[in-house]
Amino acid sequence: QVHLVESGGGLVQAGGSLRLSCVASGRDFNSYPMAWFRQAPGKEREFVAHITWSRQTNYPASVKDRFAISRDNAKNTMLYLQMNNLKPEDSAVYYCAARSSPWSNRIYLNEKDYNYWGQGTQVTVSS
């Protein structure tokens, strides 16, 4: 059974940091492209960060140089998102996602590209 479970969200002041984690199990996620997305109230889900199995990364301009995605391909795949210098506009529910394309080095930026999702973790940044 496939599970993606996020954790690490919470309330933080502007300028602070948070580290999100996602445990992925039930498939060979070690070989899958994975990503973080976020969705704020009343807005569409947006791409935040992407990482390939070989740890190539990609970010939108809005979070580049503040956020860092990483993965640990151990028994269960761990996906992380280190978020620094947080801003109120970063407030959203954050989701981890995976795409069943083993060993692909393509960059997938659209939520429709992903077929496995976690339940999300809330991040709130106060001003």
Foldseek 3Di string as FASTA:
>chain_A
DWAWAKDWADEEAAQAKTKMKIWIDDDQQLFWKKFKWWDAPPDDIFGAKIAGSVGDIDGDPVQPPFKDWDWDNDPIIMIMIIGGRDDQVVWTWMKMFTAPDGNDPDDDTDPVRTDDIHPTDTHGYHD
